[in-house]
Amino acid sequence: METLECIRTRRSIRKYKDKDVEWDKVVQILDAGRFAPSAGNIQNWKFVAVREEGVRKKLAQAAFDQQWMEEVPVHIVIAGEPEKADRFYGSRGERLYTIQNCAAVIENMMLAANDLGLGSCWIGAFDEYKVKRAVGIPDDVSVQAILTIGYADEKPEMPSRKALEHIVYLDRWFNKGQGHKARGYKSVVIKDAIEKTKKAVKKIAKKITK
């Protein structure tokens, strides 16, 4: 799958088929996480791949009883090692870089899952103590997320996204870019809008013809 297509077509999946995920695909997803960027390349993360039904049930309960999680064949618990970041970068590393590093891991894993024809969902709502107890994570390690992996049994519509001109400033905050500096991204937005309009007009014309 082409990279930008993979990014645009990724969805958060909460309904899965009753079908096991091949272990080699799980390994590829874990490996994609391994290649995520990290501050100073410290790679202060660990992954727990969970397939055992009893443990998956405990994780679902730890995630405030999100029962749909119990039916997902694979859970990946992503954990950070804040002490390692603190050793190199102090409190900023402990509080921020660990979170950023693990977030990059999660995004890599979700895109890899999509590329492999699998669905995923990033779970951030959970009782950390219960998650640690379920999979044996030590106290000095922080649980960053639970990632569910399986074959999707739903096709969610693309959620609305803000237009680039509403979220991009040029050179400084609140500068919408009057003049030549704004033409780059605005021209892309305008071109895209024109193409969408053309397609819509063609569809209407076909209906009228029929």
C-alpha atoms as a PDB file:
ATOM      1  CA  MET A   1       0.000   0.000   0.000  1.00  0.00           C
ATOM      2  CA  GLU A   2       1.279   3.474  -0.858  1.00  0.00           C
ATOM      3  CA  THR A   3       2.306   5.429   2.255  1.00  0.00           C
ATOM      4  CA  LEU A   4      -0.132   8.348   2.043  1.00  0.00           C
ATOM      5  CA  GLU A   5      -2.986   6.008   1.173  1.00  0.00           C
ATOM      6  CA  CYS A   6      -2.141   3.938   4.254  1.00  0.00           C
ATOM      7  CA  ILE A   7      -2.266   7.062   6.421  1.00  0.00           C
ATOM      8  CA  ARG A   8      -5.576   8.251   4.957  1.00  0.00           C
ATOM      9  CA  THR A   9      -7.340   4.888   5.122  1.00  0.00           C
ATOM     10  CA  ARG A  10      -6.379   3.940   8.678  1.00  0.00           C
ATOM     11  CA  ARG A  11      -9.391   3.780  11.005  1.00  0.00           C
ATOM     12  CA  SER A  12     -10.014   3.003  14.674  1.00  0.00           C
ATOM     13  CA  ILE A  13     -11.677  -0.413  14.634  1.00  0.00           C
ATOM     14  CA  ARG A  14     -13.813  -1.689  17.516  1.00  0.00           C
ATOM     15  CA  LYS A  15     -15.562  -4.566  15.774  1.00  0.00           C
ATOM     16  CA  TYR A  16     -13.495  -7.551  14.640  1.00  0.00           C
ATOM     17  CA  LYS A  17     -14.003 -10.861  12.884  1.00  0.00           C
ATOM     18  CA  ASP A  18     -13.698 -14.107  14.808  1.00  0.00           C
ATOM     19  CA  LYS A  19     -10.439 -14.895  13.073  1.00  0.00           C
ATOM     20  CA  ASP A  20      -6.927 -15.413  14.412  1.00  0.00           C
ATOM     21  CA  VAL A  21      -4.143 -13.111  13.293  1.00  0.00           C
ATOM     22  CA  GLU A  22      -1.137 -14.874  11.805  1.00  0.00           C
ATOM     23  CA  TRP A  23       1.847 -14.609  14.134  1.00  0.00           C
ATOM     24  CA  ASP A  24       4.168 -13.445  11.373  1.00  0.00           C
ATOM     25  CA  LYS A  25       1.906 -10.407  10.878  1.00  0.00           C
ATOM     26  CA  VAL A  26       2.023  -9.664  14.588  1.00  0.00           C
ATOM     27  CA  VAL A  27       5.820  -9.806  14.414  1.00  0.00           C
ATOM     28  CA  GLN A  28       5.848  -7.386  11.474  1.00  0.00           C
ATOM     29  CA  ILE A  29       3.691  -4.951  13.451  1.00  0.00           C
ATOM     30  CA  LEU A  30       5.984  -5.209  16.472  1.00  0.00           C
ATOM     31  CA  ASP A  31       8.987  -4.677  14.226  1.00  0.00           C
ATOM     32  CA  ALA A  32       7.390  -1.556  12.760  1.00  0.00           C
ATOM     33  CA  GLY A  33       7.164  -0.221  16.304  1.00  0.00           C
ATOM     34  CA  ARG A  34      10.827  -0.990  16.838  1.00  0.00           C
ATOM     35  CA  PHE A  35      11.734   1.318  13.957  1.00  0.00           C
ATOM     36  CA  ALA A  36       9.943   4.345  15.406  1.00  0.00           C
ATOM     37  CA  PRO A  37      12.034   7.444  16.146  1.00  0.00           C
ATOM     38  CA  SER A  38      12.950   8.272  19.740  1.00  0.00           C
ATOM     39  CA  ALA A  39      14.750  11.080  21.531  1.00  0.00           C
ATOM     40  CA  GLY A  40      18.479  10.437  21.222  1.00  0.00           C
ATOM     41  CA  ASN A  41      17.602   6.982  19.877  1.00  0.00           C
ATOM     42  CA  ILE A  42      17.199   5.768  23.481  1.00  0.00           C
ATOM     43  CA  GLN A  43      14.321   3.457  22.439  1.00  0.00           C
ATOM     44  CA  ASN A  44      12.942   3.448  25.991  1.00  0.00           C
ATOM     45  CA  TRP A  45       9.994   1.187  25.286  1.00  0.00           C
ATOM     46  CA  LYS A  46       8.896  -2.389  25.735  1.00  0.00           C
ATOM     47  CA  PHE A  47       5.998  -4.319  24.148  1.00  0.00           C
ATOM     48  CA  VAL A  48       3.857  -7.107  25.573  1.00  0.00           C
ATOM     49  CA  ALA A  49       2.026  -9.071  22.850  1.00  0.00           C
ATOM     50  CA  VAL A  50      -1.043 -10.720  24.367  1.00  0.00           C
ATOM     51  CA  ARG A  51      -3.012 -13.551  22.747  1.00  0.00           C
ATOM     52  CA  GLU A  52      -4.161 -15.516  25.787  1.00  0.00           C
ATOM     53  CA  GLU A  53      -7.924 -15.127  26.237  1.00  0.00           C
ATOM     54  CA  GLY A  54      -7.800 -14.794  30.016  1.00  0.00           C
ATOM     55  CA  VAL A  55      -5.245 -11.994  29.876  1.00  0.00           C
ATOM     56  CA  ARG A  56      -7.191 -10.187  27.139  1.00  0.00           C
ATOM     57  CA  LYS A  57     -10.251 -10.299  29.385  1.00  0.00           C
ATOM     58  CA  LYS A  58      -8.272  -8.745  32.237  1.00  0.00           C
ATOM     59  CA  LEU A  59      -7.029  -5.982  29.940  1.00  0.00           C
ATOM     60  CA  ALA A  60     -10.579  -5.259  28.788  1.00  0.00           C
ATOM     61  CA  GLN A  61     -11.656  -4.989  32.418  1.00  0.00           C
ATOM     62  CA  ALA A  62      -8.684  -2.744  33.169  1.00  0.00           C
ATOM     63  CA  ALA A  63      -9.786  -0.520  30.266  1.00  0.00           C
ATOM     64  CA  PHE A  64     -12.926   0.360  32.227  1.00  0.00           C
ATOM     65  CA  ASP A  65     -14.815  -2.728  31.058  1.00  0.00           C
ATOM     66  CA  GLN A  66     -14.633  -2.142  27.327  1.00  0.00           C
ATOM     67  CA  GLN A  67     -16.056  -5.594  26.644  1.00  0.00           C
ATOM     68  CA  TRP A  68     -15.547  -5.461  22.876  1.00  0.00           C
ATOM     69  CA  MET A  69     -11.793  -5.760  23.540  1.00  0.00           C
ATOM     70  CA  GLU A  70     -12.228  -9.302  24.843  1.00  0.00           C
ATOM     71  CA  GLU A  71     -13.105 -10.518  21.338  1.00  0.00           C
ATOM     72  CA  VAL A  72     -10.023  -9.004  19.676  1.00  0.00           C
ATOM     73  CA  PRO A  73      -7.425 -11.759  19.089  1.00  0.00           C
ATOM     74  CA  VAL A  74      -4.302  -9.697  19.801  1.00  0.00           C
ATOM     75  CA  HIS A  75      -3.548  -6.938  22.292  1.00  0.00           C
ATOM     76  CA  ILE A  76      -0.220  -5.141  22.368  1.00  0.00           C
ATOM     77  CA  VAL A  77       0.648  -3.291  25.557  1.00  0.00           C
ATOM     78  CA  ILE A  78       3.118  -0.472  24.881  1.00  0.00           C
ATOM     79  CA  ALA A  79       5.147   0.528  27.938  1.00  0.00           C
ATOM     80  CA  GLY A  80       7.696   3.278  28.447  1.00  0.00           C
ATOM     81  CA  GLU A  81      10.805   3.378  30.611  1.00  0.00           C
ATOM     82  CA  PRO A  82      10.834   6.937  32.008  1.00  0.00           C
ATOM     83  CA  GLU A  83      13.932   6.424  34.156  1.00  0.00           C
ATOM     84  CA  LYS A  84      16.030   5.830  31.039  1.00  0.00           C
ATOM     85  CA  ALA A  85      14.783   9.114  29.539  1.00  0.00           C
ATOM     86  CA  ASP A  86      15.402  10.914  32.834  1.00  0.00           C
ATOM     87  CA  ARG A  87      18.976   9.660  32.865  1.00  0.00           C
ATOM     88  CA  PHE A  88      19.729  11.450  29.574  1.00  0.00           C
ATOM     89  CA  TYR A  89      17.258  14.346  29.507  1.00  0.00           C
ATOM     90  CA  GLY A  90      16.110  14.997  33.060  1.00  0.00           C
ATOM     91  CA  SER A  91      12.491  15.665  33.973  1.00  0.00           C
ATOM     92  CA  ARG A  92      11.574  16.728  30.417  1.00  0.00           C
ATOM     93  CA  GLY A  93      12.706  13.364  29.126  1.00  0.00           C
ATOM     94  CA  GLU A  94      10.819  11.535  31.846  1.00  0.00           C
ATOM     95  CA  ARG A  95       7.567  13.471  31.471  1.00  0.00           C
ATOM     96  CA  LEU A  96       7.482  14.270  27.752  1.00  0.00           C
ATOM     97  CA  TYR A  97       9.966  12.337  25.630  1.00  0.00           C
ATOM     98  CA  THR A  98       8.829   8.945  26.927  1.00  0.00           C
ATOM     99  CA  ILE A  99       5.256   9.753  25.887  1.00  0.00           C
ATOM    100  CA  GLN A 100       6.357  11.077  22.493  1.00  0.00           C
ATOM    101  CA  ASN A 101       8.577   8.071  21.825  1.00  0.00           C
ATOM    102  CA  CYS A 102       5.799   5.594  22.592  1.00  0.00           C
ATOM    103  CA  ALA A 103       3.260   7.609  20.584  1.00  0.00           C
ATOM    104  CA  ALA A 104       5.529   7.270  17.549  1.00  0.00           C
ATOM    105  CA  VAL A 105       5.660   3.502  18.178  1.00  0.00           C
ATOM    106  CA  ILE A 106       1.866   3.262  18.308  1.00  0.00           C
ATOM    107  CA  GLU A 107       1.374   5.176  15.064  1.00  0.00           C
ATOM    108  CA  ASN A 108       3.946   2.986  13.300  1.00  0.00           C
ATOM    109  CA  MET A 109       2.171  -0.140  14.533  1.00  0.00           C
ATOM    110  CA  MET A 110      -1.268   1.058  13.440  1.00  0.00           C
ATOM    111  CA  LEU A 111      -0.041   1.951   9.960  1.00  0.00           C
ATOM    112  CA  ALA A 112       1.722  -1.402   9.655  1.00  0.00           C
ATOM    113  CA  ALA A 113      -1.497  -3.166  10.682  1.00  0.00           C
ATOM    114  CA  ASN A 114      -3.458  -1.262   8.043  1.00  0.00           C
ATOM    115  CA  ASP A 115      -0.866  -2.103   5.400  1.00  0.00           C
ATOM    116  CA  LEU A 116      -1.202  -5.793   6.325  1.00  0.00           C
ATOM    117  CA  GLY A 117      -4.997  -5.723   5.956  1.00  0.00           C
ATOM    118  CA  LEU A 118      -5.670  -5.594   9.703  1.00  0.00           C
ATOM    119  CA  GLY A 119      -7.617  -3.223  11.912  1.00  0.00           C
ATOM    120  CA  SER A 120      -6.389  -1.598  15.106  1.00  0.00           C
ATOM    121  CA  CYS A 121      -7.494   0.706  17.892  1.00  0.00           C
ATOM    122  CA  TRP A 122      -5.400   2.852  20.222  1.00  0.00           C
ATOM    123  CA  ILE A 123      -6.701   2.452  23.781  1.00  0.00           C
ATOM    124  CA  GLY A 124      -5.608   5.143  26.214  1.00  0.00           C
ATOM    125  CA  ALA A 125      -8.359   4.874  28.830  1.00  0.00           C
ATOM    126  CA  PHE A 126      -7.397   2.294  31.452  1.00  0.00           C
ATOM    127  CA  ASP A 127      -6.459   1.723  35.063  1.00  0.00           C
ATOM    128  CA  GLU A 128      -2.670   1.536  34.817  1.00  0.00           C
ATOM    129  CA  TYR A 129      -2.276  -0.515  37.983  1.00  0.00           C
ATOM    130  CA  LYS A 130      -4.680  -3.173  36.690  1.00  0.00           C
ATOM    131  CA  VAL A 131      -2.896  -3.340  33.332  1.00  0.00           C
ATOM    132  CA  LYS A 132       0.451  -3.761  35.062  1.00  0.00           C
ATOM    133  CA  ARG A 133      -0.961  -6.513  37.246  1.00  0.00           C
ATOM    134  CA  ALA A 134      -2.515  -8.294  34.242  1.00  0.00           C
ATOM    135  CA  VAL A 135       0.753  -8.602  32.311  1.00  0.00           C
ATOM    136  CA  GLY A 136       3.385  -8.304  35.066  1.00  0.00           C
ATOM    137  CA  ILE A 137       4.804  -4.871  34.270  1.00  0.00           C
ATOM    138  CA  PRO A 138       7.087  -3.529  37.061  1.00  0.00           C
ATOM    139  CA  ASP A 139       6.330  -0.354  39.001  1.00  0.00           C
ATOM    140  CA  ASP A 140       9.113   1.755  37.452  1.00  0.00           C
ATOM    141  CA  VAL A 141       7.696   1.240  33.936  1.00  0.00           C
ATOM    142  CA  SER A 142       4.727   3.297  32.668  1.00  0.00           C
ATOM    143  CA  VAL A 143       1.903   1.861  30.571  1.00  0.00           C
ATOM    144  CA  GLN A 144       1.362   4.156  27.578  1.00  0.00           C
ATOM    145  CA  ALA A 145      -1.329   2.346  25.596  1.00  0.00           C
ATOM    146  CA  ILE A 146      -3.057  -0.888  24.674  1.00  0.00           C
ATOM    147  CA  LEU A 147      -3.292  -1.554  20.956  1.00  0.00           C
ATOM    148  CA  THR A 148      -5.920  -3.993  19.690  1.00  0.00           C
ATOM    149  CA  ILE A 149      -5.107  -5.898  16.483  1.00  0.00           C
ATOM    150  CA  GLY A 150      -7.382  -8.094  14.376  1.00  0.00           C
ATOM    151  CA  TYR A 151      -9.321  -8.462  11.133  1.00  0.00           C
ATOM    152  CA  ALA A 152     -11.844  -5.632  10.896  1.00  0.00           C
ATOM    153  CA  ASP A 153     -15.543  -6.452  10.748  1.00  0.00           C
ATOM    154  CA  GLU A 154     -16.593  -2.871  10.069  1.00  0.00           C
ATOM    155  CA  LYS A 155     -15.707  -0.057   7.660  1.00  0.00           C
ATOM    156  CA  PRO A 156     -16.019   3.249   9.477  1.00  0.00           C
ATOM    157  CA  GLU A 157     -16.446   6.360   7.352  1.00  0.00           C
ATOM    158  CA  MET A 158     -13.596   8.830   7.297  1.00  0.00           C
ATOM    159  CA  PRO A 159     -14.136  11.288  10.161  1.00  0.00           C
ATOM    160  CA  SER A 160     -14.210  14.970   9.227  1.00  0.00           C
ATOM    161  CA  ARG A 161     -10.850  16.717   9.105  1.00  0.00           C
ATOM    162  CA  LYS A 162     -10.114  20.413   9.389  1.00  0.00           C
ATOM    163  CA  ALA A 163      -8.871  22.053   6.212  1.00  0.00           C
ATOM    164  CA  LEU A 164      -5.165  22.886   6.041  1.00  0.00           C
ATOM    165  CA  GLU A 165      -5.810  26.622   5.931  1.00  0.00           C
ATOM    166  CA  HIS A 166      -7.527  26.319   9.321  1.00  0.00           C
ATOM    167  CA  ILE A 167      -4.599  24.668  11.088  1.00  0.00           C
ATOM    168  CA  VAL A 168      -1.460  25.909   9.294  1.00  0.00           C
ATOM    169  CA  TYR A 169       0.333  29.175  10.006  1.00  0.00           C
ATOM    170  CA  LEU A 170       3.343  30.389   8.043  1.00  0.00           C
ATOM    171  CA  ASP A 171       6.511  31.591   9.781  1.00  0.00           C
ATOM    172  CA  ARG A 172       4.675  32.739  12.941  1.00  0.00           C
ATOM    173  CA  TRP A 173       1.498  32.102  14.939  1.00  0.00           C
ATOM    174  CA  PHE A 174      -1.726  33.440  13.415  1.00  0.00           C
ATOM    175  CA  ASN A 175       0.003  34.345  10.137  1.00  0.00           C
ATOM    176  CA  LYS A 176      -2.179  32.949   7.366  1.00  0.00           C
ATOM    177  CA  GLY A 177       0.433  33.943   4.811  1.00  0.00           C
ATOM    178  CA  GLN A 178      -0.578  36.826   2.643  1.00  0.00           C
ATOM    179  CA  GLY A 179       1.204  36.783  -0.687  1.00  0.00           C
ATOM    180  CA  HIS A 180       3.563  34.296  -2.280  1.00  0.00           C
ATOM    181  CA  LYS A 181       4.346  32.309   0.896  1.00  0.00           C
ATOM    182  CA  ALA A 182       0.776  31.057   1.138  1.00  0.00           C
ATOM    183  CA  ARG A 183       0.425  29.965  -2.452  1.00  0.00           C
ATOM    184  CA  GLY A 184       2.075  26.589  -1.952  1.00  0.00           C
ATOM    185  CA  TYR A 185      -0.386  24.822   0.308  1.00  0.00           C
ATOM    186  CA  LYS A 186      -3.403  26.919  -0.753  1.00  0.00           C
ATOM    187  CA  SER A 187      -2.895  25.937  -4.385  1.00  0.00           C
ATOM    188  CA  VAL A 188      -2.973  22.268  -3.380  1.00  0.00           C
ATOM    189  CA  VAL A 189      -6.186  22.778  -1.398  1.00  0.00           C
ATOM    190  CA  ILE A 190      -7.831  24.693  -4.259  1.00  0.00           C
ATOM    191  CA  LYS A 191      -6.767  22.091  -6.830  1.00  0.00           C
ATOM    192  CA  ASP A 192      -8.177  19.296  -4.663  1.00  0.00           C
ATOM    193  CA  ALA A 193     -11.468  21.176  -4.245  1.00  0.00           C
ATOM    194  CA  ILE A 194     -11.732  21.695  -8.017  1.00  0.00           C
ATOM    195  CA  GLU A 195     -11.157  17.983  -8.698  1.00  0.00           C
ATOM    196  CA  LYS A 196     -13.824  17.007  -6.151  1.00  0.00           C
ATOM    197  CA  THR A 197     -16.262  19.465  -7.701  1.00  0.00           C
ATOM    198  CA  LYS A 198     -15.597  18.073 -11.184  1.00  0.00           C
ATOM    199  CA  LYS A 199     -16.314  14.532  -9.976  1.00  0.00           C
ATOM    200  CA  ALA A 200     -19.508  15.637  -8.267  1.00  0.00           C
ATOM    201  CA  VAL A 201     -20.693  17.410 -11.425  1.00  0.00           C
ATOM    202  CA  LYS A 202     -19.993  14.319 -13.539  1.00  0.00           C
ATOM    203  CA  LYS A 203     -22.059  12.151 -11.174  1.00  0.00           C
ATOM    204  CA  ILE A 204     -24.972  14.593 -11.344  1.00  0.00           C
ATOM    205  CA  ALA A 205     -24.719  14.731 -15.136  1.00  0.00           C
ATOM    206  CA  LYS A 206     -24.881  10.932 -15.365  1.00  0.00           C
ATOM    207  CA  LYS A 207     -28.009  10.841 -13.172  1.00  0.00           C
ATOM    208  CA  ILE A 208     -29.666  13.514 -15.289  1.00  0.00           C
ATOM    209  CA  THR A 209     -28.806  11.594 -18.483  1.00  0.00           C
ATOM    210  CA  LYS A 210     -30.332   8.403 -17.054  1.00  0.00           C
END
